[in-house]
N, C-alpha and C. Protein backbone atom coordinates (compact mmCIF):
# COMPACT_ATOMS: atom_id res chain seq x y z
N MET A 1 75.65 62.15 -13.77
CA MET A 1 74.32 61.63 -14.01
C MET A 1 74.52 60.21 -14.41
N PHE A 2 75.10 59.60 -15.18
CA PHE A 2 74.81 58.08 -15.60
C PHE A 2 75.77 57.37 -14.63
N SER A 3 76.57 57.59 -13.85
CA SER A 3 77.47 57.20 -12.40
C SER A 3 76.09 56.40 -11.85
N SER A 4 75.34 57.95 -10.93
CA SER A 4 74.33 57.76 -10.32
C SER A 4 73.52 56.59 -10.53
N MET A 5 72.78 56.74 -12.07
CA MET A 5 71.96 55.96 -12.50
C MET A 5 72.24 54.14 -12.29
N VAL A 6 73.66 54.15 -12.63
CA VAL A 6 74.33 52.74 -12.27
C VAL A 6 74.49 52.39 -11.31
N PHE A 7 75.09 53.23 -10.15
CA PHE A 7 74.84 52.62 -9.11
C PHE A 7 73.90 52.15 -7.95
N TYR A 8 72.83 53.10 -8.09
CA TYR A 8 71.86 52.52 -7.24
C TYR A 8 71.07 51.09 -8.17
N PRO A 9 71.09 50.63 -9.20
CA PRO A 9 70.65 49.67 -9.44
C PRO A 9 71.81 48.30 -8.92
N LEU A 10 73.02 48.88 -8.79
CA LEU A 10 73.87 47.71 -8.90
C LEU A 10 73.94 47.64 -7.09
N ALA A 11 73.77 48.89 -6.11
CA ALA A 11 73.79 48.59 -4.72
C ALA A 11 72.52 47.91 -4.14
N ILE A 12 71.34 48.07 -5.07
CA ILE A 12 70.07 46.90 -4.82
C ILE A 12 70.34 45.45 -5.03
N CYS A 13 71.00 45.48 -6.34
CA CYS A 13 71.55 44.26 -6.56
C CYS A 13 72.34 43.50 -5.63
N ILE A 14 73.29 44.06 -5.34
CA ILE A 14 74.02 43.54 -4.40
C ILE A 14 73.40 43.26 -3.05
N SER A 15 72.52 43.97 -2.69
CA SER A 15 71.64 43.64 -1.52
C SER A 15 70.99 42.31 -1.60
N LEU A 16 70.01 42.50 -2.42
CA LEU A 16 69.60 41.25 -2.53
C LEU A 16 70.17 40.00 -2.95
N LEU A 17 71.83 40.27 -3.63
CA LEU A 17 72.52 39.37 -3.38
C LEU A 17 73.14 38.59 -2.19
N VAL A 18 72.93 39.65 -1.06
CA VAL A 18 73.68 39.29 -0.10
C VAL A 18 72.68 38.46 0.90
N SER A 19 71.54 38.89 0.56
CA SER A 19 70.33 38.32 1.69
C SER A 19 69.96 37.17 0.87
N SER A 20 70.32 36.48 -0.09
CA SER A 20 69.91 35.47 -1.24
C SER A 20 71.04 34.50 -0.09
N LEU A 21 72.32 34.75 -0.28
CA LEU A 21 73.12 34.50 0.34
C LEU A 21 73.24 34.10 1.94
N HIS A 22 72.61 34.70 2.44
CA HIS A 22 72.09 34.16 4.11
C HIS A 22 71.13 33.24 4.41
N MET A 23 69.90 33.47 3.28
CA MET A 23 69.04 32.24 2.83
C MET A 23 69.62 31.14 2.67
N VAL A 24 70.93 30.75 1.81
CA VAL A 24 71.62 29.65 1.57
C VAL A 24 71.73 29.29 2.58
N ALA A 25 72.96 30.44 3.35
CA ALA A 25 73.15 29.47 4.76
C ALA A 25 72.72 29.38 5.81
N ALA A 26 71.36 29.76 5.58
CA ALA A 26 70.34 29.08 6.74
C ALA A 26 69.92 28.06 6.08
N HIS A 27 69.61 27.90 4.79
CA HIS A 27 68.92 26.80 4.43
C HIS A 27 70.07 25.51 4.40
N THR A 28 71.20 25.38 4.55
CA THR A 28 72.30 24.61 4.55
C THR A 28 72.48 24.13 5.70
N HIS A 29 72.35 24.80 6.98
CA HIS A 29 72.18 24.20 8.09
C HIS A 29 71.44 23.12 8.53
N VAL A 30 71.43 22.19 7.94
CA VAL A 30 70.56 20.84 8.21
C VAL A 30 71.90 20.14 8.12
N HIS A 31 72.69 19.96 9.41
CA HIS A 31 73.38 18.90 9.69
C HIS A 31 73.33 18.18 10.81
N GLY A 32 74.28 17.10 11.21
CA GLY A 32 74.03 15.99 11.89
C GLY A 32 72.83 15.60 12.16
N ASN A 33 71.86 15.31 13.33
CA ASN A 33 71.17 14.81 13.49
C ASN A 33 69.53 15.60 13.92
N PRO A 34 68.80 16.22 13.13
CA PRO A 34 67.52 17.55 13.51
C PRO A 34 67.02 16.56 14.62
N ALA A 35 66.82 15.06 14.68
CA ALA A 35 66.00 14.64 15.52
C ALA A 35 66.53 14.77 16.95
N ASP A 36 67.52 14.70 17.35
CA ASP A 36 68.75 14.80 18.31
C ASP A 36 68.18 16.33 18.82
N GLU A 37 68.46 16.93 17.94
CA GLU A 37 67.92 18.52 17.95
C GLU A 37 66.79 18.65 18.81
N LEU A 38 65.64 18.22 18.24
CA LEU A 38 64.43 18.43 18.79
C LEU A 38 64.34 17.80 19.74
N VAL A 39 65.23 17.06 20.31
CA VAL A 39 65.16 16.17 21.68
C VAL A 39 65.36 17.32 22.80
N ASP A 40 66.14 18.04 21.97
CA ASP A 40 67.15 18.89 23.39
C ASP A 40 65.99 20.27 23.52
N ILE A 41 65.36 20.26 22.09
CA ILE A 41 64.31 21.55 22.23
C ILE A 41 63.47 21.05 23.35
N ILE A 42 62.79 20.42 23.04
CA ILE A 42 61.45 19.36 24.02
C ILE A 42 62.41 19.32 25.23
N ASN A 43 63.51 18.74 25.63
CA ASN A 43 63.84 18.99 27.05
C ASN A 43 63.73 20.46 27.79
N LYS A 44 64.48 21.26 26.74
CA LYS A 44 65.02 22.66 27.27
C LYS A 44 63.18 23.39 27.86
N ASN A 45 62.33 22.93 26.86
CA ASN A 45 60.90 23.49 27.30
C ASN A 45 60.36 23.12 28.45
N ARG A 46 60.66 21.57 28.73
CA ARG A 46 60.08 20.65 29.88
C ARG A 46 60.82 21.60 30.82
N THR A 47 62.01 21.41 30.99
CA THR A 47 62.71 21.96 32.10
C THR A 47 62.33 23.46 32.67
N ALA A 48 61.95 24.20 31.68
CA ALA A 48 61.74 25.59 31.57
C ALA A 48 60.12 25.85 32.35
N HIS A 49 59.37 24.50 32.38
CA HIS A 49 57.93 24.29 32.51
C HIS A 49 58.11 23.63 34.16
N LYS A 50 59.26 23.17 34.66
CA LYS A 50 59.28 22.26 35.67
C LYS A 50 59.36 20.79 35.53
N SER A 51 59.22 20.89 34.42
CA SER A 51 59.02 19.27 33.89
C SER A 51 60.35 18.48 34.11
N SER A 52 60.18 17.34 34.47
CA SER A 52 61.64 16.39 34.24
C SER A 52 61.96 16.44 33.08
N LYS A 53 63.64 16.27 33.08
CA LYS A 53 64.16 16.41 31.51
C LYS A 53 64.51 14.46 31.20
N LEU A 54 64.09 14.50 29.61
CA LEU A 54 64.08 12.91 29.47
C LEU A 54 64.82 12.39 28.99
N TYR A 55 65.60 11.22 28.81
CA TYR A 55 66.38 9.86 28.65
C TYR A 55 65.81 10.17 26.94
N ASP A 56 66.85 10.41 26.14
CA ASP A 56 66.79 9.94 24.53
C ASP A 56 66.97 9.01 24.51
N ASN A 57 65.71 8.30 24.14
CA ASN A 57 66.09 6.86 24.07
C ASN A 57 66.17 6.28 22.90
N PRO A 58 67.23 5.69 22.27
CA PRO A 58 67.26 5.35 20.64
C PRO A 58 66.26 4.22 20.40
N GLY A 59 66.03 3.35 20.66
CA GLY A 59 65.35 2.31 20.63
C GLY A 59 63.64 3.31 19.96
N LEU A 60 63.29 4.00 21.11
CA LEU A 60 62.28 4.35 21.24
C LEU A 60 62.29 5.33 20.00
N GLY A 61 63.49 5.69 19.68
CA GLY A 61 63.69 7.13 18.49
C GLY A 61 63.27 6.55 17.05
N CYS A 62 64.06 5.22 17.26
CA CYS A 62 63.79 4.22 15.56
C CYS A 62 62.30 3.82 15.71
N MET A 63 61.36 3.57 16.93
CA MET A 63 60.15 3.18 16.49
C MET A 63 59.62 4.57 16.24
N ALA A 64 59.50 5.36 16.91
CA ALA A 64 59.18 6.68 16.29
C ALA A 64 59.56 7.27 14.72
N LEU A 65 60.35 6.35 13.90
CA LEU A 65 60.57 6.22 12.62
C LEU A 65 59.43 5.36 12.00
N GLN A 66 59.30 4.34 12.11
CA GLN A 66 58.88 3.70 11.73
C GLN A 66 57.69 3.83 12.20
N TYR A 67 57.40 4.24 13.13
CA TYR A 67 55.52 5.14 13.34
C TYR A 67 55.58 5.86 11.69
N ILE A 68 56.26 6.67 11.34
CA ILE A 68 56.32 7.38 10.33
C ILE A 68 55.83 6.50 9.18
N GLN A 69 56.75 5.92 8.96
CA GLN A 69 57.11 5.12 7.47
C GLN A 69 55.83 4.40 7.46
N ALA A 70 55.14 4.06 8.46
CA ALA A 70 53.42 3.13 8.49
C ALA A 70 52.68 4.05 8.01
N TYR A 71 52.55 5.34 7.38
CA TYR A 71 51.51 6.46 6.46
C TYR A 71 52.12 6.17 5.64
N ASN A 72 53.16 5.75 5.26
CA ASN A 72 53.41 5.26 3.70
C ASN A 72 53.38 6.93 2.77
N GLY A 73 53.90 8.01 3.11
CA GLY A 73 54.06 9.00 2.54
C GLY A 73 52.86 9.86 2.36
N THR A 74 52.03 9.12 3.45
CA THR A 74 50.54 10.25 2.84
C THR A 74 50.17 10.63 4.03
N CYS A 75 49.97 11.93 3.99
CA CYS A 75 48.90 12.64 5.49
C CYS A 75 47.96 12.58 5.39
N ASP A 76 47.54 11.11 5.94
CA ASP A 76 46.18 10.78 6.41
C ASP A 76 46.10 9.74 7.35
N GLU A 77 45.31 10.60 8.02
CA GLU A 77 44.97 9.95 10.03
C GLU A 77 44.52 8.48 9.80
N SER A 78 43.89 8.44 8.97
CA SER A 78 43.54 6.93 9.06
C SER A 78 44.42 5.66 8.63
N LYS A 79 45.55 6.47 8.37
CA LYS A 79 46.70 5.28 8.06
C LYS A 79 47.38 5.43 9.12
N SER A 80 47.04 5.94 10.50
CA SER A 80 47.52 5.15 11.44
C SER A 80 47.59 4.46 11.87
N PRO A 81 49.25 3.11 12.30
CA PRO A 81 48.91 2.20 12.50
C PRO A 81 48.16 1.44 13.54
N PRO A 82 48.06 0.56 13.81
CA PRO A 82 47.46 0.09 15.13
C PRO A 82 48.61 -0.27 16.11
N GLU A 83 47.94 -0.46 17.49
CA GLU A 83 49.01 -0.35 18.68
C GLU A 83 49.89 -1.45 18.76
N VAL A 84 49.13 -2.65 18.07
CA VAL A 84 49.80 -4.21 17.95
C VAL A 84 51.09 -3.60 17.35
N ASP A 85 51.44 -3.06 16.46
CA ASP A 85 52.70 -2.73 15.30
C ASP A 85 53.61 -2.26 15.98
N ILE A 86 53.60 -1.65 17.33
CA ILE A 86 54.69 -1.17 18.09
C ILE A 86 55.49 -2.22 18.65
N THR A 87 54.42 -3.78 18.79
CA THR A 87 55.34 -4.68 19.55
C THR A 87 55.44 -5.42 18.22
N GLU A 88 54.48 -5.95 17.57
CA GLU A 88 54.99 -6.64 16.30
C GLU A 88 55.47 -6.46 15.19
N VAL A 89 55.47 -5.08 14.80
CA VAL A 89 56.42 -4.66 13.86
C VAL A 89 57.39 -3.79 13.95
N PHE A 90 57.45 -2.70 14.64
CA PHE A 90 58.07 -1.61 14.80
C PHE A 90 59.55 -2.00 15.95
N ALA A 91 59.40 -2.97 16.67
CA ALA A 91 60.31 -3.04 17.56
C ALA A 91 61.47 -4.19 16.75
N PRO A 92 60.19 -5.30 16.41
CA PRO A 92 61.79 -6.07 15.38
C PRO A 92 62.24 -5.72 14.54
N ASP A 93 61.46 -4.67 13.55
CA ASP A 93 62.42 -4.22 12.75
C ASP A 93 63.56 -3.04 12.90
N CYS A 94 63.09 -2.92 14.22
CA CYS A 94 64.57 -1.56 14.73
C CYS A 94 65.44 -2.36 15.56
N GLY A 95 65.59 -3.79 16.00
CA GLY A 95 66.19 -4.65 17.06
C GLY A 95 66.44 -4.40 18.17
N VAL A 96 64.83 -3.76 18.67
CA VAL A 96 64.70 -3.49 20.07
C VAL A 96 64.10 -4.76 20.71
N GLU A 97 64.55 -5.17 21.96
CA GLU A 97 64.42 -6.61 22.63
C GLU A 97 62.77 -6.40 22.88
N LEU A 98 62.03 -7.59 22.74
CA LEU A 98 60.69 -7.25 23.17
C LEU A 98 60.32 -7.56 24.48
N PRO A 99 61.35 -8.20 25.27
CA PRO A 99 60.89 -7.69 26.61
C PRO A 99 60.89 -6.83 27.81
N THR A 100 61.92 -6.03 26.55
CA THR A 100 61.67 -4.49 27.20
C THR A 100 60.97 -2.93 26.56
N VAL A 101 60.03 -4.03 25.70
CA VAL A 101 58.97 -2.75 24.92
C VAL A 101 58.30 -2.44 26.00
N GLN A 102 57.81 -1.11 26.21
CA GLN A 102 56.37 -0.94 27.37
C GLN A 102 55.63 -0.10 26.50
N THR A 103 54.58 0.39 27.63
CA THR A 103 53.65 1.42 26.77
C THR A 103 54.08 2.53 25.93
N ILE A 104 53.61 2.90 25.08
CA ILE A 104 53.56 4.63 25.07
C ILE A 104 52.83 5.48 25.80
N SER A 105 53.45 6.44 26.88
CA SER A 105 52.80 7.07 27.38
C SER A 105 52.37 8.44 26.45
N GLY A 106 52.52 8.57 25.62
CA GLY A 106 52.38 9.81 24.63
C GLY A 106 52.94 10.02 23.23
N ARG A 107 51.99 10.47 22.23
CA ARG A 107 52.89 10.74 21.19
C ARG A 107 52.54 12.13 20.41
N LEU A 108 53.24 12.49 19.78
CA LEU A 108 53.13 13.97 18.92
C LEU A 108 53.66 13.58 17.18
N LEU A 109 52.71 13.89 16.46
CA LEU A 109 52.75 13.18 14.71
C LEU A 109 52.57 14.50 13.90
N ALA A 110 53.33 14.91 12.95
CA ALA A 110 52.80 16.32 12.62
C ALA A 110 53.31 15.70 10.79
N CYS A 111 52.64 16.33 9.89
CA CYS A 111 53.32 16.24 8.20
C CYS A 111 53.00 17.40 8.24
N ARG A 112 54.21 17.67 7.24
CA ARG A 112 54.17 19.34 6.12
C ARG A 112 54.56 18.84 5.12
N SER A 113 54.37 19.90 4.33
CA SER A 113 54.85 19.74 2.48
C SER A 113 55.79 20.33 2.22
N HIS A 114 56.38 20.86 3.59
CA HIS A 114 58.03 21.67 3.40
C HIS A 114 58.85 21.28 4.48
N TYR A 115 60.35 20.94 4.28
CA TYR A 115 60.71 20.55 5.41
C TYR A 115 61.22 21.72 6.73
N ALA A 116 60.91 21.65 8.02
CA ALA A 116 60.82 22.48 9.23
C ALA A 116 62.43 22.51 9.90
N LYS A 117 62.94 23.07 10.02
CA LYS A 117 64.00 22.75 10.88
C LYS A 117 63.37 22.61 12.54
N PRO A 118 63.99 22.04 13.18
CA PRO A 118 63.73 21.80 14.42
C PRO A 118 63.06 22.73 15.37
N PRO A 119 63.55 23.93 15.77
CA PRO A 119 62.92 24.86 16.17
C PRO A 119 61.24 25.38 15.53
N GLU A 120 61.43 25.05 14.29
CA GLU A 120 59.83 25.52 13.10
C GLU A 120 59.45 24.27 13.63
N ALA A 121 59.86 23.12 13.44
CA ALA A 121 59.05 21.43 14.03
C ALA A 121 57.94 21.67 15.23
N PHE A 122 59.16 22.31 16.10
CA PHE A 122 58.40 22.16 17.62
C PHE A 122 57.92 23.53 17.48
N SER A 123 57.45 24.34 17.20
CA SER A 123 56.68 25.56 17.84
C SER A 123 55.71 25.86 16.86
N GLN A 124 55.77 25.34 15.40
CA GLN A 124 54.66 25.52 14.68
C GLN A 124 54.02 24.41 13.85
N VAL A 125 55.09 23.67 14.01
CA VAL A 125 54.09 21.76 13.44
C VAL A 125 53.53 21.07 14.65
N LEU A 126 54.32 20.68 15.25
CA LEU A 126 53.91 19.55 16.44
C LEU A 126 52.92 20.42 17.77
N ILE A 127 53.61 21.44 18.01
CA ILE A 127 52.90 21.90 19.02
C ILE A 127 51.81 23.16 18.76
N GLU A 128 50.82 22.42 18.46
CA GLU A 128 49.96 23.28 17.97
C GLU A 128 48.53 23.59 18.53
N SER A 129 48.58 23.60 19.92
CA SER A 129 47.34 23.52 20.65
C SER A 129 47.41 23.02 21.63
N LYS A 130 46.89 22.87 23.18
CA LYS A 130 46.68 22.74 24.34
C LYS A 130 46.97 21.36 24.53
N LYS A 131 46.21 20.10 23.87
CA LYS A 131 46.16 18.99 23.79
C LYS A 131 48.20 18.57 23.60
N SER A 132 48.30 19.03 22.67
CA SER A 132 49.61 19.04 22.46
C SER A 132 50.59 19.10 23.28
N LEU A 133 50.54 20.35 24.18
CA LEU A 133 51.18 21.16 25.44
C LEU A 133 50.96 19.95 26.74
N SER A 134 49.58 19.81 26.81
CA SER A 134 49.43 18.49 27.78
C SER A 134 50.26 17.62 27.57
N VAL A 135 50.64 16.87 26.16
CA VAL A 135 51.28 15.54 25.95
C VAL A 135 52.93 16.02 26.39
N LEU A 136 52.99 17.16 25.93
CA LEU A 136 55.03 17.38 26.00
C LEU A 136 54.84 17.57 27.61
N TYR A 137 54.39 18.36 28.46
CA TYR A 137 54.87 18.22 29.86
C TYR A 137 53.79 17.59 30.66
N ASP A 138 53.33 15.95 30.15
CA ASP A 138 52.95 15.03 31.27
C ASP A 138 54.34 14.56 31.98
N GLY A 139 53.69 14.80 33.29
CA GLY A 139 54.87 14.70 34.52
C GLY A 139 55.15 12.80 34.59
N ASN A 140 54.69 12.22 33.61
CA ASN A 140 54.87 10.82 33.46
C ASN A 140 55.71 10.09 32.67
N HIS A 141 55.97 11.09 31.81
CA HIS A 141 57.46 10.48 30.73
C HIS A 141 58.10 10.61 31.54
N THR A 142 59.03 9.35 31.19
CA THR A 142 60.90 9.33 31.82
C THR A 142 61.60 9.22 30.45
N GLU A 143 61.37 9.09 29.42
CA GLU A 143 62.07 9.06 28.27
C GLU A 143 61.08 9.63 26.77
N VAL A 144 62.08 9.62 25.61
CA VAL A 144 61.40 10.39 24.41
C VAL A 144 62.24 9.69 23.44
N GLY A 145 61.34 9.79 22.20
CA GLY A 145 62.44 9.56 21.11
C GLY A 145 61.70 10.28 19.65
N VAL A 146 62.67 10.75 19.09
CA VAL A 146 62.24 11.39 17.86
C VAL A 146 62.47 10.68 16.42
N GLY A 147 61.74 10.75 15.72
CA GLY A 147 61.69 10.10 14.53
C GLY A 147 61.85 11.33 13.27
N LEU A 148 62.13 11.54 12.23
CA LEU A 148 62.00 12.39 10.98
C LEU A 148 61.79 11.73 9.79
N SER A 149 61.03 11.93 8.75
CA SER A 149 61.70 11.33 7.55
C SER A 149 60.67 12.26 6.54
N GLY A 150 61.17 12.09 5.36
CA GLY A 150 60.52 12.50 4.15
C GLY A 150 60.36 11.49 3.12
N THR A 151 59.74 11.75 1.81
CA THR A 151 58.88 10.41 1.11
C THR A 151 60.01 11.19 -0.68
N ASN A 152 59.94 12.54 -0.91
CA ASN A 152 60.43 13.02 -2.05
C ASN A 152 60.98 14.20 -1.93
N SER A 153 61.16 14.67 -3.09
CA SER A 153 61.92 16.16 -3.13
C SER A 153 61.05 16.68 -2.91
N ASP A 154 59.92 16.98 -3.14
CA ASP A 154 58.41 17.49 -2.53
C ASP A 154 57.52 17.32 -1.50
N GLY A 155 58.20 16.48 -0.87
CA GLY A 155 57.75 16.33 0.36
C GLY A 155 56.35 15.13 0.40
N PRO A 156 55.71 15.15 1.21
CA PRO A 156 55.41 15.61 2.62
C PRO A 156 56.82 15.16 3.71
N TYR A 157 56.82 15.91 4.43
CA TYR A 157 57.79 15.56 5.65
C TYR A 157 57.32 15.27 7.27
N PHE A 158 57.53 14.35 7.52
CA PHE A 158 57.09 13.80 8.83
C PHE A 158 57.93 14.27 10.32
N TRP A 159 57.39 14.14 11.17
CA TRP A 159 57.67 14.75 12.52
C TRP A 159 57.27 13.23 13.54
N CYS A 160 57.70 12.87 14.25
CA CYS A 160 56.88 11.58 15.63
C CYS A 160 58.26 12.14 16.63
N VAL A 161 56.85 11.94 17.69
CA VAL A 161 57.90 12.16 19.02
C VAL A 161 57.15 11.21 19.83
N LEU A 162 57.74 10.24 20.17
CA LEU A 162 56.99 9.21 21.06
C LEU A 162 57.58 9.17 22.54
N PHE A 163 56.81 9.26 23.60
CA PHE A 163 56.96 9.09 25.15
C PHE A 163 57.08 7.94 25.88
N GLY A 164 57.89 7.49 26.16
CA GLY A 164 57.75 6.20 27.36
C GLY A 164 57.71 6.99 28.83
N SER A 165 56.87 5.98 29.68
CA SER A 165 57.08 6.17 31.32
C SER A 165 57.82 5.33 31.82
N GLY A 166 58.61 4.45 31.29
CA GLY A 166 59.22 3.47 31.73
C GLY A 166 60.46 3.21 32.45
N GLN A 167 61.46 2.52 32.72
CA GLN A 167 62.61 2.68 33.56
C GLN A 167 63.39 3.10 32.54
N PRO A 168 64.41 4.27 32.39
CA PRO A 168 65.44 4.95 31.40
C PRO A 168 66.46 3.83 31.68
N ASN A 169 66.83 3.45 30.55
CA ASN A 169 67.93 2.59 30.41
C ASN A 169 67.95 0.95 30.60
N SER A 170 66.51 0.65 30.54
CA SER A 170 66.26 -0.59 30.86
C SER A 170 64.78 -0.84 30.14
N THR A 171 64.15 -0.02 29.19
CA THR A 171 63.08 -0.12 28.30
C THR A 171 63.30 0.56 26.75
N PHE A 172 62.92 -1.01 25.85
CA PHE A 172 62.94 -0.25 24.56
C PHE A 172 64.39 -0.38 24.50
N GLU A 173 65.21 -1.50 25.01
CA GLU A 173 66.56 -1.71 24.85
C GLU A 173 66.51 -2.23 23.52
N LEU A 174 67.96 -1.71 22.95
CA LEU A 174 68.57 -2.16 21.38
C LEU A 174 69.19 -3.70 21.71
N GLU A 175 68.86 -4.71 20.57
CA GLU A 175 69.81 -6.09 20.79
C GLU A 175 71.34 -5.71 20.18
N GLY A 176 72.52 -5.77 21.45
CA GLY A 176 73.75 -5.79 20.94
C GLY A 176 73.63 -3.69 21.34
N GLY A 177 73.18 -3.25 21.79
CA GLY A 177 73.12 -1.99 21.95
C GLY A 177 72.92 -0.53 20.65
N GLN A 178 72.71 -1.61 19.45
CA GLN A 178 72.34 -0.65 18.54
C GLN A 178 71.17 -1.19 17.69
N ALA A 179 70.58 -0.06 17.13
CA ALA A 179 69.30 -0.28 16.19
C ALA A 179 69.76 -0.99 14.84
N LEU A 180 69.03 -1.66 14.28
CA LEU A 180 68.90 -2.23 12.69
C LEU A 180 68.87 -0.53 12.01
N LYS A 181 69.48 -0.83 10.85
CA LYS A 181 69.94 0.58 10.04
C LYS A 181 68.76 0.14 9.27
N GLN A 182 68.53 1.67 9.24
CA GLN A 182 67.16 2.22 8.49
C GLN A 182 67.26 2.73 7.13
N LYS A 183 66.88 2.57 6.23
CA LYS A 183 66.73 3.12 5.11
C LYS A 183 66.62 4.58 5.14
N GLN A 184 65.55 4.90 5.41
CA GLN A 184 65.97 6.56 5.11
C GLN A 184 65.59 7.09 6.71
N GLY A 185 65.49 8.40 6.63
CA GLY A 185 65.04 9.58 7.84
C GLY A 185 66.09 9.49 9.04
N CYS A 186 66.04 10.18 9.96
CA CYS A 186 66.76 10.06 11.41
C CYS A 186 65.98 9.85 12.42
N PHE A 187 66.34 9.23 13.31
CA PHE A 187 65.64 9.03 14.80
C PHE A 187 66.88 9.78 15.97
N SER A 188 66.13 10.15 16.76
CA SER A 188 66.91 10.23 18.00
C SER A 188 68.24 9.32 18.57
N GLY A 189 69.12 9.66 19.29
CA GLY A 189 69.83 8.48 20.41
C GLY A 189 70.82 7.73 19.68
N SER A 190 70.97 7.50 17.99
CA SER A 190 71.73 7.13 17.72
C SER A 190 72.86 7.32 16.88
N GLY A 191 73.57 8.78 17.04
CA GLY A 191 74.23 8.96 17.74
C GLY A 191 75.21 9.16 15.74
N VAL A 192 74.30 8.95 14.95
CA VAL A 192 74.86 8.90 13.34
C VAL A 192 73.67 10.12 12.72
N PRO A 193 74.40 10.96 11.78
CA PRO A 193 73.70 12.04 10.85
C PRO A 193 72.53 11.63 10.22
N CYS A 194 71.37 12.41 9.50
CA CYS A 194 70.49 12.02 8.84
C CYS A 194 70.91 10.97 7.73
N SER A 195 70.17 10.12 7.33
CA SER A 195 70.08 9.18 6.25
C SER A 195 70.60 9.96 4.91
N ALA A 196 71.30 9.44 4.00
CA ALA A 196 71.65 10.21 2.69
C ALA A 196 70.02 10.67 1.91
N ALA A 197 69.01 9.45 2.10
CA ALA A 197 67.77 9.98 1.41
C ALA A 197 67.29 11.28 1.76
N LEU A 198 67.13 11.32 3.57
CA LEU A 198 66.74 12.57 3.66
C LEU A 198 67.33 14.02 3.47
N MET A 199 68.72 14.04 3.30
CA MET A 199 69.63 14.93 3.34
C MET A 199 69.64 15.27 1.49
N SER A 200 69.28 14.28 0.84
CA SER A 200 69.43 14.58 -0.82
C SER A 200 68.01 15.48 -0.94
N LYS A 201 66.82 15.38 0.08
CA LYS A 201 65.74 15.80 -0.40
C LYS A 201 65.92 17.69 0.11
N VAL A 202 66.72 17.58 1.17
CA VAL A 202 67.17 18.83 1.41
C VAL A 202 68.02 19.62 0.17
N LEU A 203 69.02 18.42 -0.26
CA LEU A 203 70.04 19.28 -1.05
C LEU A 203 69.26 19.85 -2.13
N TRP A 204 68.06 18.84 -2.79
CA TRP A 204 67.30 19.69 -4.16
C TRP A 204 66.90 21.04 -4.02
N SER A 205 66.57 21.41 -2.36
CA SER A 205 65.89 22.88 -2.02
C SER A 205 67.03 23.46 -2.29
N PHE A 206 68.43 23.18 -1.83
CA PHE A 206 69.49 23.83 -1.96
C PHE A 206 69.93 24.15 -2.81
N THR A 207 69.91 23.30 -4.05
CA THR A 207 70.41 23.46 -5.06
C THR A 207 69.49 24.76 -6.04
N GLY A 208 68.07 24.90 -6.25
CA GLY A 208 67.31 25.88 -6.32
C GLY A 208 67.80 27.21 -6.27
N LEU A 209 68.10 27.27 -4.79
CA LEU A 209 68.77 28.69 -3.97
C LEU A 209 70.26 28.81 -5.06
N MET A 210 70.80 27.71 -4.73
CA MET A 210 72.16 28.19 -5.26
C MET A 210 72.06 28.82 -6.87
N VAL A 211 70.99 28.00 -7.57
CA VAL A 211 70.58 28.59 -8.79
C VAL A 211 70.22 29.79 -9.25
N LEU A 212 69.58 30.02 -7.99
CA LEU A 212 69.10 31.68 -7.48
C LEU A 212 70.19 33.05 -7.71
N VAL A 213 71.30 32.52 -6.78
CA VAL A 213 72.15 33.28 -6.47
C VAL A 213 72.65 33.21 -7.73
N ALA A 214 73.47 32.24 -8.61
CA ALA A 214 73.82 32.36 -9.69
C ALA A 214 73.67 33.19 -10.55
N VAL A 215 72.29 33.07 -10.79
CA VAL A 215 71.56 34.11 -11.75
C VAL A 215 71.54 35.70 -11.23
N MET A 216 71.21 35.72 -10.22
CA MET A 216 71.24 37.30 -9.38
C MET A 216 72.86 38.00 -9.58
N GLY A 217 73.79 36.83 -9.22
CA GLY A 217 75.61 37.32 -9.44
C GLY A 217 75.69 37.76 -11.05
N SER A 218 75.10 36.82 -12.12
CA SER A 218 75.32 37.29 -12.85
C SER A 218 74.74 38.67 -13.57
N SER A 219 73.52 38.44 -12.78
CA SER A 219 72.90 39.96 -13.78
C SER A 219 73.66 41.21 -13.10
N CYS A 220 74.20 41.02 -11.68
CA CYS A 220 75.10 42.36 -11.14
C CYS A 220 76.03 42.46 -11.82
N LEU A 221 76.77 41.68 -12.41
CA LEU A 221 77.90 41.59 -13.22
C LEU A 221 77.32 42.91 -14.42
N PHE A 222 76.34 42.62 -15.00
CA PHE A 222 75.79 43.51 -16.21
C PHE A 222 75.43 44.80 -16.06
N LEU A 223 75.35 45.20 -14.29
CA LEU A 223 74.70 46.49 -14.48
C LEU A 223 75.90 47.62 -14.83
């Protein structure tokens, strides 16, 4: 009788521990550049909808990150930067050659208190209405850039997608072929992983999960 009484709590504990480890594994799958992953998701959805695949433009991606930073870490629409900032602020700060800056043909912007992986950011954060879908599938778009940033360990986290309708490889061109280094966040087309600033925010959450797993593991040992 005693052995069976011990077995069932132990089995339950082990089951919960395994589930927690799966959560950790899923949570730590934030590597590389999520902005590039979102561009891939956008293109897959566009081609599935019979729309053209878009060029992943690093200049546009960097400017999407700059667009986010203009909000100064607040999810407030009144902080939306004026159009003139695209040419006078964002382009120079990214090292985009001014003669190659073209009109932004569409944008998607979202802000949430928690980090969202690219699939969740796409389906649950950015694409929330028919208007968003209309922007996504617009046939005038030829290129896209994505920016992602957070402000502290508790959020908020911002996602920004900028679309362009210019000639790929000749618009939003970067001086020397490389964007100026950004202090935080990620942007698509850069070929580099997220900055340490963003990754540290994700790692704070990861640390919390690891503490939970350690506590549960210790509890199992004493059953």
